[in-house]
Amino acid sequence: AVVHGSSYDMQKNTMSKSYRALKPRYLANRRLGLKPGDPKPLPRIVTRRPKRGDIHPLDPSILRGALRLEVPVEYLYGLKGIELREREGNRVGQPYGLYRPGEKSIVLYSLPMEWEWPSAADPVKSKLRAFGAAVNCDNEKVTVRWGSRVQLAVWFFVDVIAHELGHHYRNQYKSSIGGPGS
């Protein structure tokens, strides 16, 4: 059967084996030569000293384990490196991390266990609270305080790192997933 100009096998529920029809997971596995059960290659992780009074929410060894266990291969394929770097400036979260498409790398900035903002949107405060942060607001500032490094690490992985991996995924597969450039 033909569905909108592509070759689709109704019996197997699969697309044809053309390059553009492959789903990112199969494309990544094929290009890496991975078979079921093979360990996925991880990007290089470079650690720089955090800003004075800050920490890197995830140690490199914990980050490697989380990437290996929790992140599908298609989100890591093509990613050259992750750099844990000192936060720039005094304002926390400007940014927490960034994706560099030209280098295919992610930069993650250090954070303190407690910080202040002049203001924060309600959804941001709610999300931080959902991960265990104490968020206190008064007329002049918003104070975010993490009770444990584990809470900060879980939020950082789920919110910041996943966000940056999403940028990489979109950039890596932009022509095969119908995104910009397709």
Protein backbone atom coordinates (compact mmCIF):
# COMPACT_ATOMS: atom_id res chain seq x y z
CA ALA A 1 0.00 0.00 0.00
CA VAL A 2 1.11 3.54 -0.63
CA VAL A 3 0.48 6.18 2.00
CA HIS A 4 1.05 9.78 0.85
CA GLY A 5 3.80 8.88 -1.60
CA SER A 6 5.87 6.71 0.74
CA SER A 7 6.21 2.98 0.60
CA TYR A 8 4.47 1.54 3.68
CA ASP A 9 4.08 -2.17 4.42
CA MET A 10 0.71 -2.60 6.14
CA GLN A 11 1.57 -6.19 7.17
CA LYS A 12 4.77 -5.27 9.02
CA ASN A 13 3.72 -1.74 10.04
CA THR A 14 7.07 -0.42 8.78
CA MET A 15 8.29 2.12 6.30
CA SER A 16 10.50 1.17 3.38
CA LYS A 17 14.22 0.98 4.09
CA SER A 18 15.04 4.20 2.29
CA TYR A 19 17.38 6.53 4.17
CA ARG A 20 14.77 9.25 4.78
CA ALA A 21 12.16 6.73 5.93
CA LEU A 22 14.30 5.33 8.75
CA LYS A 23 13.32 6.40 12.24
CA PRO A 24 16.12 8.14 14.15
CA ARG A 25 16.64 5.16 16.52
CA TYR A 26 17.21 2.75 13.65
CA LEU A 27 19.33 5.28 11.80
CA ALA A 28 21.58 5.81 14.85
CA ASN A 29 21.90 2.08 15.53
CA ARG A 30 22.68 1.35 11.88
CA ARG A 31 25.29 4.08 11.59
CA LEU A 32 26.94 3.00 14.84
CA GLY A 33 26.74 -0.67 13.90
CA LEU A 34 24.97 -1.45 17.20
CA LYS A 35 23.16 -4.70 17.75
CA PRO A 36 20.59 -5.26 20.54
CA GLY A 37 22.39 -5.35 23.88
CA ASP A 38 25.49 -3.48 22.66
CA PRO A 39 26.53 -0.58 24.90
CA LYS A 40 25.89 2.79 23.32
CA PRO A 41 28.84 5.11 22.79
CA LEU A 42 28.76 8.17 25.00
CA PRO A 43 29.99 11.66 24.22
CA ARG A 44 33.22 12.87 25.79
CA ILE A 45 32.60 14.65 29.10
CA VAL A 46 34.97 17.47 30.04
CA THR A 47 34.84 18.93 33.53
CA ARG A 48 36.05 22.42 34.38
CA ARG A 49 36.16 23.89 37.86
CA PRO A 50 32.76 25.30 38.93
CA LYS A 51 32.34 28.94 39.92
CA ARG A 52 33.35 29.59 43.52
CA GLY A 53 30.44 28.52 45.76
CA ASP A 54 28.84 26.48 42.96
CA ILE A 55 28.76 22.77 42.17
CA HIS A 56 28.20 20.75 39.06
CA PRO A 57 24.81 19.17 39.80
CA LEU A 58 25.93 15.88 38.23
CA ASP A 59 29.39 14.33 38.64
CA PRO A 60 30.79 13.08 35.32
CA SER A 61 30.47 9.44 36.48
CA ILE A 62 26.82 9.90 37.47
CA LEU A 63 26.14 11.78 34.23
CA ARG A 64 27.67 8.92 32.22
CA GLY A 65 25.53 6.38 34.05
CA ALA A 66 22.37 8.45 33.57
CA LEU A 67 23.10 8.91 29.85
CA ARG A 68 23.81 5.19 29.44
CA LEU A 69 20.68 4.04 31.30
CA GLU A 70 18.11 6.75 30.65
CA VAL A 71 18.78 8.33 27.25
CA PRO A 72 17.89 6.58 23.99
CA VAL A 73 20.76 6.15 21.54
CA GLU A 74 19.18 8.47 18.95
CA TYR A 75 19.52 11.42 21.36
CA LEU A 76 23.24 10.74 21.85
CA TYR A 77 24.19 9.80 18.28
CA GLY A 78 26.43 12.47 16.78
CA LEU A 79 26.89 14.34 20.07
CA LYS A 80 30.63 15.00 20.34
CA GLY A 81 30.89 16.22 23.89
CA ILE A 82 29.40 17.60 27.08
CA GLU A 83 31.30 20.25 28.99
CA LEU A 84 30.64 21.02 32.65
CA ARG A 85 31.72 24.62 32.97
CA GLU A 86 31.81 27.54 35.37
CA ARG A 87 28.66 29.65 35.39
CA GLU A 88 29.15 32.93 33.56
CA GLY A 89 28.15 36.06 35.43
CA ASN A 90 26.30 36.28 38.71
CA ARG A 91 22.74 35.57 37.55
CA VAL A 92 21.76 31.91 37.86
CA GLY A 93 19.98 30.34 34.92
CA GLN A 94 21.18 32.71 32.23
CA PRO A 95 21.54 30.04 30.87
CA TYR A 96 21.70 26.71 32.73
CA GLY A 97 23.10 25.07 29.61
CA LEU A 98 23.31 25.47 25.86
CA TYR A 99 23.66 23.41 22.72
CA ARG A 100 26.30 24.32 20.14
CA PRO A 101 25.07 22.92 16.80
CA GLY A 102 28.29 23.63 14.91
CA GLU A 103 30.32 21.67 17.43
CA LYS A 104 27.53 19.20 18.25
CA SER A 105 28.25 19.72 21.91
CA ILE A 106 26.41 20.70 25.08
CA VAL A 107 27.69 23.12 27.72
CA LEU A 108 26.27 22.78 31.25
CA TYR A 109 26.93 25.54 33.77
CA SER A 110 27.61 25.18 37.48
CA LEU A 111 24.96 26.15 40.03
CA PRO A 112 24.85 27.06 43.71
CA MET A 113 22.59 25.14 46.10
CA GLU A 114 20.73 28.41 46.74
CA TRP A 115 20.14 31.44 44.56
CA GLU A 116 17.98 34.54 44.21
CA TRP A 117 16.14 35.98 41.25
CA PRO A 118 14.41 39.34 41.03
CA SER A 119 11.29 37.45 39.84
CA ALA A 120 10.16 34.13 38.37
CA ALA A 121 7.07 32.98 36.49
CA ASP A 122 4.64 30.73 38.38
CA PRO A 123 5.26 27.69 36.10
CA VAL A 124 9.01 27.96 36.78
CA LYS A 125 8.45 28.11 40.54
CA SER A 126 6.01 25.18 40.38
CA LYS A 127 8.44 23.04 38.42
CA LEU A 128 11.28 23.71 40.86
CA ARG A 129 9.00 22.89 43.81
CA ALA A 130 7.93 19.65 42.11
CA PHE A 131 11.58 18.54 42.18
CA GLY A 132 11.97 19.41 45.86
CA ALA A 133 13.31 22.97 45.84
CA ALA A 134 12.12 25.39 48.50
CA VAL A 135 10.97 28.47 46.58
CA ASN A 136 10.25 31.52 48.71
CA CYS A 137 8.84 34.72 47.28
CA ASP A 138 8.63 38.19 48.72
CA ASN A 139 8.01 41.54 47.04
CA GLU A 140 11.63 42.03 46.07
CA LYS A 141 13.03 38.59 45.21
CA VAL A 142 12.52 34.87 44.69
CA THR A 143 14.85 32.57 46.65
CA VAL A 144 15.43 29.02 45.42
CA ARG A 145 17.02 26.61 47.92
CA TRP A 146 17.74 22.93 47.27
CA GLY A 147 17.58 20.61 50.28
CA SER A 148 19.94 18.07 48.76
CA ARG A 149 22.30 17.69 45.87
CA VAL A 150 20.26 14.69 44.70
CA GLN A 151 17.14 16.87 44.24
CA LEU A 152 19.15 19.43 42.30
CA ALA A 153 20.75 16.69 40.18
CA VAL A 154 17.41 15.07 39.29
CA TRP A 155 15.89 18.42 38.27
CA PHE A 156 19.02 19.33 36.30
CA PHE A 157 18.97 16.03 34.40
CA VAL A 158 15.24 15.98 33.70
CA ASP A 159 14.83 19.66 32.87
CA VAL A 160 18.16 21.10 31.66
CA ILE A 161 20.04 18.17 30.15
CA ALA A 162 16.93 16.70 28.51
CA HIS A 163 16.20 20.13 27.00
CA GLU A 164 19.70 20.41 25.52
CA LEU A 165 19.56 16.82 24.23
CA GLY A 166 16.29 17.78 22.53
CA HIS A 167 18.11 20.58 20.69
CA HIS A 168 20.77 18.10 19.58
CA TYR A 169 18.15 15.57 18.44
CA ARG A 170 16.31 18.18 16.40
CA ASN A 171 19.54 19.39 14.82
CA GLN A 172 20.85 15.87 14.16
CA TYR A 173 17.71 14.64 12.41
CA LYS A 174 16.25 17.86 11.02
CA SER A 175 15.95 16.49 7.50
CA SER A 176 14.61 13.06 8.46
CA ILE A 177 11.98 14.08 11.02
CA GLY A 178 10.34 16.76 8.95
CA GLY A 179 11.85 19.63 10.86
CA PRO A 180 13.53 22.73 9.49
CA GLY A 181 15.64 21.94 6.47
CA SER A 182 13.60 18.94 5.36
